[in-house]
Amino acid sequence: MATGFNQLLGLAGKQFIIYAGSATFIAGLIGGLVDVVVFLSLKTFRLSPCGFYLLIMSIANIGQMITGLLSRILSTGFDIDWSLTSLFYCKVRLYCYQVCSLLSMSCICLASIDQYVLTCSRPQWQRWSNIKVAHRLCGIFPLIWSVHNIPYIIYYNHVVSQSTGKVSCTLTNTIFDQYAAYSTGIILGKVLPIFITFSFGFLSYRNVQQIAYRTIPMVRRELDKQLTKMVLVQIAFGIFTIIPYTIVYLLLRIVSLNQDPVIAARLQLAASITTVFLYVYFAINVKMVD
């Protein structure tokens, strides 16, 4: 009976990945492309540091959807896993996914910080909200994450199981496996960005409430409010989608929990659901709040 229940949970997770994941992927891909077109076509956004950060974030999110969610849908729902047939794809897919993931999180952090200094009453801080600074930072961070994630290319390899003879795409360095799971996957990719965006998002919101009392041109005032609104909505979605995924991810790392077949099946179902919700965050069209 327990085996049948576990199979039912597995089927439910598979169906959820196929249908909810596919809808999220399509919506995210279209929404991301719309964001890129809007941010590139409107001069007000092209010349805004925050708008530029959101542009780079949208591009990174598209990369995440393709290298992450699409591969998950194909492997889970249709047993199509190119990482098992191509060593190059095995190494490069996770590398590209991590670069895009960390770059996306970096951009939303930079956007939240930019909105804080821009809406701050101190002129010396407002000078840091500069399109040249944004261009430099968006050149530096992709380089940092590209170098930081090189071990994914080195240590991801094809491993053949001695018992089943099946090939798997697996990290072959235990030390880097621990680092990738907790440092990259949790701290750099989840906890730290949430802390930074929440802190500066709250400060930005407080500053925006005081904008009406300052002598600022009406056009700039409305643009500041609009961009701050976009960033705050993105932050709010991030908190409610990233935290559940992080909790389930940490539970899956506890070996003792996964030794019980029923608990393991429930955690796998929870992982399927929270993974899709995680991609909902990256699929959000930031212009939808305009």
C-alpha atoms as a PDB file:
ATOM      1  CA  MET A   1       0.000   0.000   0.000  1.00  0.00           C
ATOM      2  CA  ALA A   2       2.846   2.362   0.855  1.00  0.00           C
ATOM      3  CA  THR A   3       4.468   1.568  -2.493  1.00  0.00           C
ATOM      4  CA  GLY A   4       1.272   2.470  -4.339  1.00  0.00           C
ATOM      5  CA  PHE A   5       0.991   5.726  -2.390  1.00  0.00           C
ATOM      6  CA  ASN A   6       4.600   6.588  -3.200  1.00  0.00           C
ATOM      7  CA  GLN A   7       3.996   5.901  -6.879  1.00  0.00           C
ATOM      8  CA  LEU A   8       0.920   8.152  -6.767  1.00  0.00           C
ATOM      9  CA  LEU A   9       2.987  10.965  -5.249  1.00  0.00           C
ATOM     10  CA  GLY A  10       5.653  10.455  -7.906  1.00  0.00           C
ATOM     11  CA  LEU A  11       3.046  10.616 -10.674  1.00  0.00           C
ATOM     12  CA  ALA A  12       1.527  13.764  -9.173  1.00  0.00           C
ATOM     13  CA  GLY A  13       4.940  15.434  -9.096  1.00  0.00           C
ATOM     14  CA  LYS A  14       5.613  14.404 -12.683  1.00  0.00           C
ATOM     15  CA  GLN A  15       2.279  15.774 -13.912  1.00  0.00           C
ATOM     16  CA  PHE A  16       2.805  19.011 -12.008  1.00  0.00           C
ATOM     17  CA  ILE A  17       6.218  19.498 -13.627  1.00  0.00           C
ATOM     18  CA  ILE A  18       4.761  18.806 -17.097  1.00  0.00           C
ATOM     19  CA  TYR A  19       1.691  21.062 -16.964  1.00  0.00           C
ATOM     20  CA  ALA A  20       2.533  23.782 -14.435  1.00  0.00           C
ATOM     21  CA  GLY A  21       6.172  23.805 -15.519  1.00  0.00           C
ATOM     22  CA  SER A  22       5.286  24.104 -19.202  1.00  0.00           C
ATOM     23  CA  ALA A  23       2.867  26.972 -18.533  1.00  0.00           C
ATOM     24  CA  THR A  24       5.518  28.737 -16.442  1.00  0.00           C
ATOM     25  CA  PHE A  25       8.160  28.236 -19.122  1.00  0.00           C
ATOM     26  CA  ILE A  26       5.987  29.616 -21.929  1.00  0.00           C
ATOM     27  CA  ALA A  27       4.801  32.578 -19.871  1.00  0.00           C
ATOM     28  CA  GLY A  28       8.322  33.278 -18.612  1.00  0.00           C
ATOM     29  CA  LEU A  29       9.913  33.098 -22.048  1.00  0.00           C
ATOM     30  CA  ILE A  30       7.331  35.414 -23.611  1.00  0.00           C
ATOM     31  CA  GLY A  31       7.339  37.762 -20.614  1.00  0.00           C
ATOM     32  CA  GLY A  32      11.129  37.895 -20.571  1.00  0.00           C
ATOM     33  CA  LEU A  33      11.299  38.759 -24.263  1.00  0.00           C
ATOM     34  CA  VAL A  34       8.648  41.466 -23.756  1.00  0.00           C
ATOM     35  CA  ASP A  35      10.704  42.921 -20.886  1.00  0.00           C
ATOM     36  CA  VAL A  36      13.842  43.000 -23.036  1.00  0.00           C
ATOM     37  CA  VAL A  37      12.024  44.748 -25.903  1.00  0.00           C
ATOM     38  CA  VAL A  38      10.417  47.318 -23.571  1.00  0.00           C
ATOM     39  CA  PHE A  39      13.622  48.138 -21.688  1.00  0.00           C
ATOM     40  CA  LEU A  40      15.565  48.484 -24.946  1.00  0.00           C
ATOM     41  CA  SER A  41      12.933  50.498 -26.828  1.00  0.00           C
ATOM     42  CA  LEU A  42      12.057  53.137 -24.210  1.00  0.00           C
ATOM     43  CA  LYS A  43      14.724  55.804 -23.699  1.00  0.00           C
ATOM     44  CA  THR A  44      13.606  56.481 -20.106  1.00  0.00           C
ATOM     45  CA  PHE A  45      14.480  52.900 -19.151  1.00  0.00           C
ATOM     46  CA  ARG A  46      17.650  52.719 -21.274  1.00  0.00           C
ATOM     47  CA  LEU A  47      19.105  55.737 -19.468  1.00  0.00           C
ATOM     48  CA  SER A  48      17.968  54.584 -16.023  1.00  0.00           C
ATOM     49  CA  PRO A  49      20.453  52.500 -13.998  1.00  0.00           C
ATOM     50  CA  CYS A  50      17.610  50.537 -12.405  1.00  0.00           C
ATOM     51  CA  GLY A  51      16.047  49.934 -15.821  1.00  0.00           C
ATOM     52  CA  PHE A  52      19.395  48.639 -17.100  1.00  0.00           C
ATOM     53  CA  TYR A  53      19.734  46.266 -14.137  1.00  0.00           C
ATOM     54  CA  LEU A  54      16.228  44.939 -14.820  1.00  0.00           C
ATOM     55  CA  LEU A  55      17.117  44.510 -18.509  1.00  0.00           C
ATOM     56  CA  ILE A  56      20.155  42.354 -17.685  1.00  0.00           C
ATOM     57  CA  MET A  57      18.081  40.464 -15.107  1.00  0.00           C
ATOM     58  CA  SER A  58      15.433  39.707 -17.755  1.00  0.00           C
ATOM     59  CA  ILE A  59      18.077  38.331 -20.126  1.00  0.00           C
ATOM     60  CA  ALA A  60      19.544  36.197 -17.329  1.00  0.00           C
ATOM     61  CA  ASN A  61      16.065  34.929 -16.427  1.00  0.00           C
ATOM     62  CA  ILE A  62      15.494  33.783 -20.006  1.00  0.00           C
ATOM     63  CA  GLY A  63      18.772  31.877 -19.813  1.00  0.00           C
ATOM     64  CA  GLN A  64      17.640  30.265 -16.560  1.00  0.00           C
ATOM     65  CA  MET A  65      14.314  29.203 -18.029  1.00  0.00           C
ATOM     66  CA  ILE A  66      16.029  27.513 -20.976  1.00  0.00           C
ATOM     67  CA  THR A  67      18.911  25.826 -19.124  1.00  0.00           C
ATOM     68  CA  GLY A  68      16.913  24.991 -15.996  1.00  0.00           C
ATOM     69  CA  LEU A  69      13.160  24.617 -16.330  1.00  0.00           C
ATOM     70  CA  LEU A  70      13.060  23.412 -19.940  1.00  0.00           C
ATOM     71  CA  SER A  71      15.594  20.680 -19.185  1.00  0.00           C
ATOM     72  CA  ARG A  72      13.612  19.698 -16.063  1.00  0.00           C
ATOM     73  CA  ILE A  73      10.375  19.408 -18.071  1.00  0.00           C
ATOM     74  CA  LEU A  74      12.001  17.307 -20.794  1.00  0.00           C
ATOM     75  CA  SER A  75      13.804  14.940 -18.412  1.00  0.00           C
ATOM     76  CA  THR A  76      10.958  14.527 -15.889  1.00  0.00           C
ATOM     77  CA  GLY A  77       7.997  14.490 -18.233  1.00  0.00           C
ATOM     78  CA  PHE A  78       9.343  12.968 -21.422  1.00  0.00           C
ATOM     79  CA  ASP A  79      12.543  11.110 -20.377  1.00  0.00           C
ATOM     80  CA  ILE A  80      14.612  13.334 -22.644  1.00  0.00           C
ATOM     81  CA  ASP A  81      17.881  14.161 -20.896  1.00  0.00           C
ATOM     82  CA  TRP A  82      20.627  15.423 -23.181  1.00  0.00           C
ATOM     83  CA  SER A  83      23.052  15.587 -20.255  1.00  0.00           C
ATOM     84  CA  LEU A  84      23.158  11.764 -20.294  1.00  0.00           C
ATOM     85  CA  THR A  85      24.079  11.537 -23.968  1.00  0.00           C
ATOM     86  CA  SER A  86      26.386  14.531 -24.278  1.00  0.00           C
ATOM     87  CA  LEU A  87      29.247  15.170 -21.859  1.00  0.00           C
ATOM     88  CA  PHE A  88      29.548  18.712 -23.206  1.00  0.00           C
ATOM     89  CA  TYR A  89      25.895  19.435 -22.394  1.00  0.00           C
ATOM     90  CA  CYS A  90      26.308  17.758 -18.998  1.00  0.00           C
ATOM     91  CA  LYS A  91      29.083  20.193 -18.104  1.00  0.00           C
ATOM     92  CA  VAL A  92      27.828  23.368 -19.778  1.00  0.00           C
ATOM     93  CA  ARG A  93      24.130  23.268 -18.803  1.00  0.00           C
ATOM     94  CA  LEU A  94      24.692  23.518 -15.050  1.00  0.00           C
ATOM     95  CA  TYR A  95      27.462  26.051 -15.589  1.00  0.00           C
ATOM     96  CA  CYS A  96      25.227  28.335 -17.664  1.00  0.00           C
ATOM     97  CA  TYR A  97      22.325  27.865 -15.268  1.00  0.00           C
ATOM     98  CA  GLN A  98      24.398  28.899 -12.248  1.00  0.00           C
ATOM     99  CA  VAL A  99      25.881  31.913 -14.047  1.00  0.00           C
ATOM    100  CA  CYS A 100      22.411  33.090 -15.096  1.00  0.00           C
ATOM    101  CA  SER A 101      20.957  32.400 -11.639  1.00  0.00           C
ATOM    102  CA  LEU A 102      23.638  34.339  -9.744  1.00  0.00           C
ATOM    103  CA  LEU A 103      23.613  37.152 -12.306  1.00  0.00           C
ATOM    104  CA  SER A 104      19.835  37.499 -12.005  1.00  0.00           C
ATOM    105  CA  MET A 105      20.052  37.683  -8.223  1.00  0.00           C
ATOM    106  CA  SER A 106      22.921  40.176  -8.447  1.00  0.00           C
ATOM    107  CA  CYS A 107      20.876  42.419 -10.730  1.00  0.00           C
ATOM    108  CA  ILE A 108      17.826  42.530  -8.462  1.00  0.00           C
ATOM    109  CA  CYS A 109      20.158  43.324  -5.539  1.00  0.00           C
ATOM    110  CA  LEU A 110      21.785  46.121  -7.559  1.00  0.00           C
ATOM    111  CA  ALA A 111      18.360  47.420  -8.625  1.00  0.00           C
ATOM    112  CA  SER A 112      17.134  47.530  -5.020  1.00  0.00           C
ATOM    113  CA  ILE A 113      20.313  49.312  -3.880  1.00  0.00           C
ATOM    114  CA  ASP A 114      20.064  51.723  -6.819  1.00  0.00           C
ATOM    115  CA  GLN A 115      16.477  52.639  -5.949  1.00  0.00           C
ATOM    116  CA  TYR A 116      17.498  53.276  -2.374  1.00  0.00           C
ATOM    117  CA  VAL A 117      20.349  55.652  -3.237  1.00  0.00           C
ATOM    118  CA  LEU A 118      18.240  57.309  -5.957  1.00  0.00           C
ATOM    119  CA  THR A 119      15.321  58.020  -3.640  1.00  0.00           C
ATOM    120  CA  CYS A 120      17.613  58.985  -0.773  1.00  0.00           C
ATOM    121  CA  SER A 121      17.575  62.648   0.304  1.00  0.00           C
ATOM    122  CA  ARG A 122      21.390  62.845   0.385  1.00  0.00           C
ATOM    123  CA  PRO A 123      22.825  64.172  -2.924  1.00  0.00           C
ATOM    124  CA  GLN A 124      26.209  62.468  -2.386  1.00  0.00           C
ATOM    125  CA  TRP A 125      24.460  59.074  -2.334  1.00  0.00           C
ATOM    126  CA  GLN A 126      22.256  59.883  -5.314  1.00  0.00           C
ATOM    127  CA  ARG A 127      25.387  60.281  -7.468  1.00  0.00           C
ATOM    128  CA  TRP A 128      25.938  56.523  -7.233  1.00  0.00           C
ATOM    129  CA  SER A 129      22.738  56.023  -9.241  1.00  0.00           C
ATOM    130  CA  ASN A 130      24.524  56.482 -12.542  1.00  0.00           C
ATOM    131  CA  ILE A 131      24.131  54.674 -15.861  1.00  0.00           C
ATOM    132  CA  LYS A 132      27.929  54.467 -16.254  1.00  0.00           C
ATOM    133  CA  VAL A 133      28.190  52.760 -12.866  1.00  0.00           C
ATOM    134  CA  ALA A 134      25.414  50.368 -13.933  1.00  0.00           C
ATOM    135  CA  HIS A 135      27.257  49.510 -17.161  1.00  0.00           C
ATOM    136  CA  ARG A 136      30.474  48.787 -15.258  1.00  0.00           C
ATOM    137  CA  LEU A 137      28.795  46.652 -12.597  1.00  0.00           C
ATOM    138  CA  CYS A 138      26.880  44.687 -15.229  1.00  0.00           C
ATOM    139  CA  GLY A 139      30.203  44.003 -16.918  1.00  0.00           C
ATOM    140  CA  ILE A 140      31.972  42.994 -13.714  1.00  0.00           C
ATOM    141  CA  PHE A 141      29.375  40.639 -12.216  1.00  0.00           C
ATOM    142  CA  PRO A 142      28.981  38.362 -15.290  1.00  0.00           C
ATOM    143  CA  LEU A 143      32.774  38.028 -15.324  1.00  0.00           C
ATOM    144  CA  ILE A 144      32.866  37.200 -11.593  1.00  0.00           C
ATOM    145  CA  TRP A 145      30.164  34.528 -11.849  1.00  0.00           C
ATOM    146  CA  SER A 146      31.632  33.096 -15.063  1.00  0.00           C
ATOM    147  CA  VAL A 147      34.963  32.516 -13.293  1.00  0.00           C
ATOM    148  CA  HIS A 148      33.356  31.466 -10.003  1.00  0.00           C
ATOM    149  CA  ASN A 149      31.370  28.667 -11.656  1.00  0.00           C
ATOM    150  CA  ILE A 150      34.191  27.134 -13.740  1.00  0.00           C
ATOM    151  CA  PRO A 151      34.401  24.133 -11.330  1.00  0.00           C
ATOM    152  CA  TYR A 152      30.972  23.053 -12.641  1.00  0.00           C
ATOM    153  CA  ILE A 153      32.623  22.468 -16.018  1.00  0.00           C
ATOM    154  CA  ILE A 154      35.566  20.675 -14.429  1.00  0.00           C
ATOM    155  CA  TYR A 155      33.808  18.406 -11.922  1.00  0.00           C
ATOM    156  CA  TYR A 156      30.551  17.483 -13.679  1.00  0.00           C
ATOM    157  CA  ASN A 157      31.141  14.188 -15.465  1.00  0.00           C
ATOM    158  CA  HIS A 158      29.398  11.076 -16.736  1.00  0.00           C
ATOM    159  CA  VAL A 159      29.333   8.356 -14.081  1.00  0.00           C
ATOM    160  CA  VAL A 160      28.266   4.787 -14.918  1.00  0.00           C
ATOM    161  CA  SER A 161      26.495   2.879 -12.149  1.00  0.00           C
ATOM    162  CA  GLN A 162      28.129  -0.490 -11.434  1.00  0.00           C
ATOM    163  CA  SER A 163      24.806  -2.061 -10.442  1.00  0.00           C
ATOM    164  CA  THR A 164      22.500  -0.786 -13.197  1.00  0.00           C
ATOM    165  CA  GLY A 165      24.940   0.297 -15.890  1.00  0.00           C
ATOM    166  CA  LYS A 166      23.058   3.591 -16.293  1.00  0.00           C
ATOM    167  CA  VAL A 167      24.872   6.846 -17.018  1.00  0.00           C
ATOM    168  CA  SER A 168      24.319   9.876 -14.797  1.00  0.00           C
ATOM    169  CA  CYS A 169      25.568  13.465 -14.992  1.00  0.00           C
ATOM    170  CA  THR A 170      27.053  13.958 -11.525  1.00  0.00           C
ATOM    171  CA  LEU A 171      29.447  16.122  -9.562  1.00  0.00           C
ATOM    172  CA  THR A 172      32.545  13.989  -8.967  1.00  0.00           C
ATOM    173  CA  ASN A 173      34.203  16.193  -6.325  1.00  0.00           C
ATOM    174  CA  THR A 174      32.641  15.874  -2.857  1.00  0.00           C
ATOM    175  CA  ILE A 175      34.186  19.085  -1.517  1.00  0.00           C
ATOM    176  CA  PHE A 176      32.842  21.167  -4.392  1.00  0.00           C
ATOM    177  CA  ASP A 177      29.528  19.336  -4.109  1.00  0.00           C
ATOM    178  CA  GLN A 178      29.161  20.633  -0.544  1.00  0.00           C
ATOM    179  CA  TYR A 179      30.282  24.109  -1.561  1.00  0.00           C
ATOM    180  CA  ALA A 180      27.875  24.205  -4.508  1.00  0.00           C
ATOM    181  CA  ALA A 181      24.968  22.971  -2.379  1.00  0.00           C
ATOM    182  CA  TYR A 182      25.334  25.343   0.548  1.00  0.00           C
ATOM    183  CA  SER A 183      27.528  28.269  -0.479  1.00  0.00           C
ATOM    184  CA  THR A 184      26.404  28.778  -4.077  1.00  0.00           C
ATOM    185  CA  GLY A 185      22.949  27.208  -3.913  1.00  0.00           C
ATOM    186  CA  ILE A 186      21.816  28.596  -0.547  1.00  0.00           C
ATOM    187  CA  ILE A 187      23.924  31.544   0.619  1.00  0.00           C
ATOM    188  CA  LEU A 188      24.948  33.293  -2.617  1.00  0.00           C
ATOM    189  CA  GLY A 189      21.908  32.244  -4.617  1.00  0.00           C
ATOM    190  CA  LYS A 190      19.106  32.556  -2.067  1.00  0.00           C
ATOM    191  CA  VAL A 191      19.713  33.836   1.482  1.00  0.00           C
ATOM    192  CA  LEU A 192      22.051  36.753   0.773  1.00  0.00           C
ATOM    193  CA  PRO A 193      19.996  38.181  -2.142  1.00  0.00           C
ATOM    194  CA  ILE A 194      16.778  37.940  -0.104  1.00  0.00           C
ATOM    195  CA  PHE A 195      18.416  39.766   2.815  1.00  0.00           C
ATOM    196  CA  ILE A 196      19.851  42.517   0.591  1.00  0.00           C
ATOM    197  CA  THR A 197      16.721  43.063  -1.489  1.00  0.00           C
ATOM    198  CA  PHE A 198      14.391  43.006   1.509  1.00  0.00           C
ATOM    199  CA  SER A 199      16.548  45.485   3.444  1.00  0.00           C
ATOM    200  CA  PHE A 200      17.038  47.981   0.627  1.00  0.00           C
ATOM    201  CA  GLY A 201      13.500  47.421  -0.661  1.00  0.00           C
ATOM    202  CA  PHE A 202      12.117  48.456   2.726  1.00  0.00           C
ATOM    203  CA  LEU A 203      14.391  51.521   2.815  1.00  0.00           C
ATOM    204  CA  SER A 204      13.391  52.445  -0.753  1.00  0.00           C
ATOM    205  CA  TYR A 205       9.713  52.160   0.094  1.00  0.00           C
ATOM    206  CA  ARG A 206      10.235  54.481   3.042  1.00  0.00           C
ATOM    207  CA  ASN A 207      12.071  56.981   0.848  1.00  0.00           C
ATOM    208  CA  VAL A 208       9.350  56.911  -1.807  1.00  0.00           C
ATOM    209  CA  GLN A 209       6.763  57.873   0.797  1.00  0.00           C
ATOM    210  CA  GLN A 210       8.772  61.053   1.384  1.00  0.00           C
ATOM    211  CA  ILE A 211       9.329  61.947  -2.281  1.00  0.00           C
ATOM    212  CA  ALA A 212       6.114  63.999  -2.445  1.00  0.00           C
ATOM    213  CA  TYR A 213       7.575  66.377   0.127  1.00  0.00           C
ATOM    214  CA  ARG A 214      10.747  67.065  -1.838  1.00  0.00           C
ATOM    215  CA  THR A 215      11.401  69.509  -4.677  1.00  0.00           C
ATOM    216  CA  ILE A 216      11.769  66.977  -7.516  1.00  0.00           C
ATOM    217  CA  PRO A 217      10.563  67.311 -11.146  1.00  0.00           C
ATOM    218  CA  MET A 218       7.235  65.547 -11.658  1.00  0.00           C
ATOM    219  CA  VAL A 219       8.503  63.293 -14.484  1.00  0.00           C
ATOM    220  CA  ARG A 220      11.463  62.050 -12.458  1.00  0.00           C
ATOM    221  CA  ARG A 221       9.286  61.595  -9.379  1.00  0.00           C
ATOM    222  CA  GLU A 222       6.851  59.349 -11.272  1.00  0.00           C
ATOM    223  CA  LEU A 223       9.672  57.370 -12.901  1.00  0.00           C
ATOM    224  CA  ASP A 224      11.282  56.791  -9.491  1.00  0.00           C
ATOM    225  CA  LYS A 225       7.980  55.543  -8.109  1.00  0.00           C
ATOM    226  CA  GLN A 226       7.373  53.313 -11.135  1.00  0.00           C
ATOM    227  CA  LEU A 227      10.797  51.666 -11.001  1.00  0.00           C
ATOM    228  CA  THR A 228      10.632  51.279  -7.237  1.00  0.00           C
ATOM    229  CA  LYS A 229       7.232  49.612  -7.606  1.00  0.00           C
ATOM    230  CA  MET A 230       8.671  47.145 -10.139  1.00  0.00           C
ATOM    231  CA  VAL A 231      11.585  46.283  -7.867  1.00  0.00           C
ATOM    232  CA  LEU A 232       9.388  45.894  -4.763  1.00  0.00           C
ATOM    233  CA  VAL A 233       6.987  43.532  -6.566  1.00  0.00           C
ATOM    234  CA  GLN A 234       9.943  41.471  -7.787  1.00  0.00           C
ATOM    235  CA  ILE A 235      11.313  41.338  -4.229  1.00  0.00           C
ATOM    236  CA  ALA A 236       7.932  40.290  -2.792  1.00  0.00           C
ATOM    237  CA  PHE A 237       7.594  37.451  -5.304  1.00  0.00           C
ATOM    238  CA  GLY A 238      11.149  36.399  -4.555  1.00  0.00           C
ATOM    239  CA  ILE A 239      10.505  36.084  -0.820  1.00  0.00           C
ATOM    240  CA  PHE A 240       7.386  33.932  -1.256  1.00  0.00           C
ATOM    241  CA  THR A 241       8.807  31.671  -3.967  1.00  0.00           C
ATOM    242  CA  ILE A 242      12.475  31.270  -3.026  1.00  0.00           C
ATOM    243  CA  ILE A 243      12.071  30.554   0.705  1.00  0.00           C
ATOM    244  CA  PRO A 244       9.827  27.423   0.296  1.00  0.00           C
ATOM    245  CA  TYR A 245      12.221  26.017  -2.309  1.00  0.00           C
ATOM    246  CA  THR A 246      15.203  26.644  -0.029  1.00  0.00           C
ATOM    247  CA  ILE A 247      13.529  24.845   2.896  1.00  0.00           C
ATOM    248  CA  VAL A 248      12.679  21.766   0.793  1.00  0.00           C
ATOM    249  CA  TYR A 249      16.145  21.810  -0.768  1.00  0.00           C
ATOM    250  CA  LEU A 250      17.778  21.688   2.667  1.00  0.00           C
ATOM    251  CA  LEU A 251      15.467  18.864   3.781  1.00  0.00           C
ATOM    252  CA  LEU A 252      16.445  16.836   0.712  1.00  0.00           C
ATOM    253  CA  ARG A 253      20.089  17.165   1.756  1.00  0.00           C
ATOM    254  CA  ILE A 254      19.351  15.377   5.062  1.00  0.00           C
ATOM    255  CA  VAL A 255      20.203  11.740   4.357  1.00  0.00           C
ATOM    256  CA  SER A 256      18.222  10.290   7.296  1.00  0.00           C
ATOM    257  CA  LEU A 257      14.940  11.785   6.047  1.00  0.00           C
ATOM    258  CA  ASN A 258      15.353  10.293   2.594  1.00  0.00           C
ATOM    259  CA  GLN A 259      15.887   6.774   3.991  1.00  0.00           C
ATOM    260  CA  ASP A 260      12.154   6.539   4.716  1.00  0.00           C
ATOM    261  CA  PRO A 261      10.425   5.831   1.341  1.00  0.00           C
ATOM    262  CA  VAL A 262       7.202   7.656   2.308  1.00  0.00           C
ATOM    263  CA  ILE A 263       8.974  10.777   3.550  1.00  0.00           C
ATOM    264  CA  ALA A 264      11.293  10.694   0.532  1.00  0.00           C
ATOM    265  CA  ALA A 265       8.300  10.517  -1.841  1.00  0.00           C
ATOM    266  CA  ARG A 266       6.613  13.437  -0.086  1.00  0.00           C
ATOM    267  CA  LEU A 267       9.787  15.492  -0.234  1.00  0.00           C
ATOM    268  CA  GLN A 268      10.165  14.762  -3.947  1.00  0.00           C
ATOM    269  CA  LEU A 269       6.602  15.956  -4.534  1.00  0.00           C
ATOM    270  CA  ALA A 270       7.290  19.083  -2.481  1.00  0.00           C
ATOM    271  CA  ALA A 271      10.492  19.580  -4.478  1.00  0.00           C
ATOM    272  CA  SER A 272       8.582  19.391  -7.778  1.00  0.00           C
ATOM    273  CA  ILE A 273       6.035  21.954  -6.597  1.00  0.00           C
ATOM    274  CA  THR A 274       8.506  24.402  -5.044  1.00  0.00           C
ATOM    275  CA  THR A 275      10.836  24.122  -8.042  1.00  0.00           C
ATOM    276  CA  VAL A 276       8.081  25.289 -10.369  1.00  0.00           C
ATOM    277  CA  PHE A 277       7.189  28.101  -7.955  1.00  0.00           C
ATOM    278  CA  LEU A 278      10.855  29.071  -7.901  1.00  0.00           C
ATOM    279  CA  TYR A 279      10.781  29.481 -11.674  1.00  0.00           C
ATOM    280  CA  VAL A 280       7.581  31.528 -11.366  1.00  0.00           C
ATOM    281  CA  TYR A 281       9.778  34.177  -9.746  1.00  0.00           C
ATOM    282  CA  PHE A 282      12.139  34.186 -12.727  1.00  0.00           C
ATOM    283  CA  ALA A 283       9.173  34.109 -15.117  1.00  0.00           C
ATOM    284  CA  ILE A 284       7.579  37.272 -13.726  1.00  0.00           C
ATOM    285  CA  ASN A 285       7.131  40.050 -16.275  1.00  0.00           C
ATOM    286  CA  VAL A 286       8.405  43.063 -14.330  1.00  0.00           C
ATOM    287  CA  LYS A 287       6.412  45.396 -16.588  1.00  0.00           C
ATOM    288  CA  MET A 288       3.148  43.840 -15.446  1.00  0.00           C
ATOM    289  CA  VAL A 289       3.030  46.224 -12.487  1.00  0.00           C
ATOM    290  CA  ASP A 290       3.359  49.286 -14.695  1.00  0.00           C
END
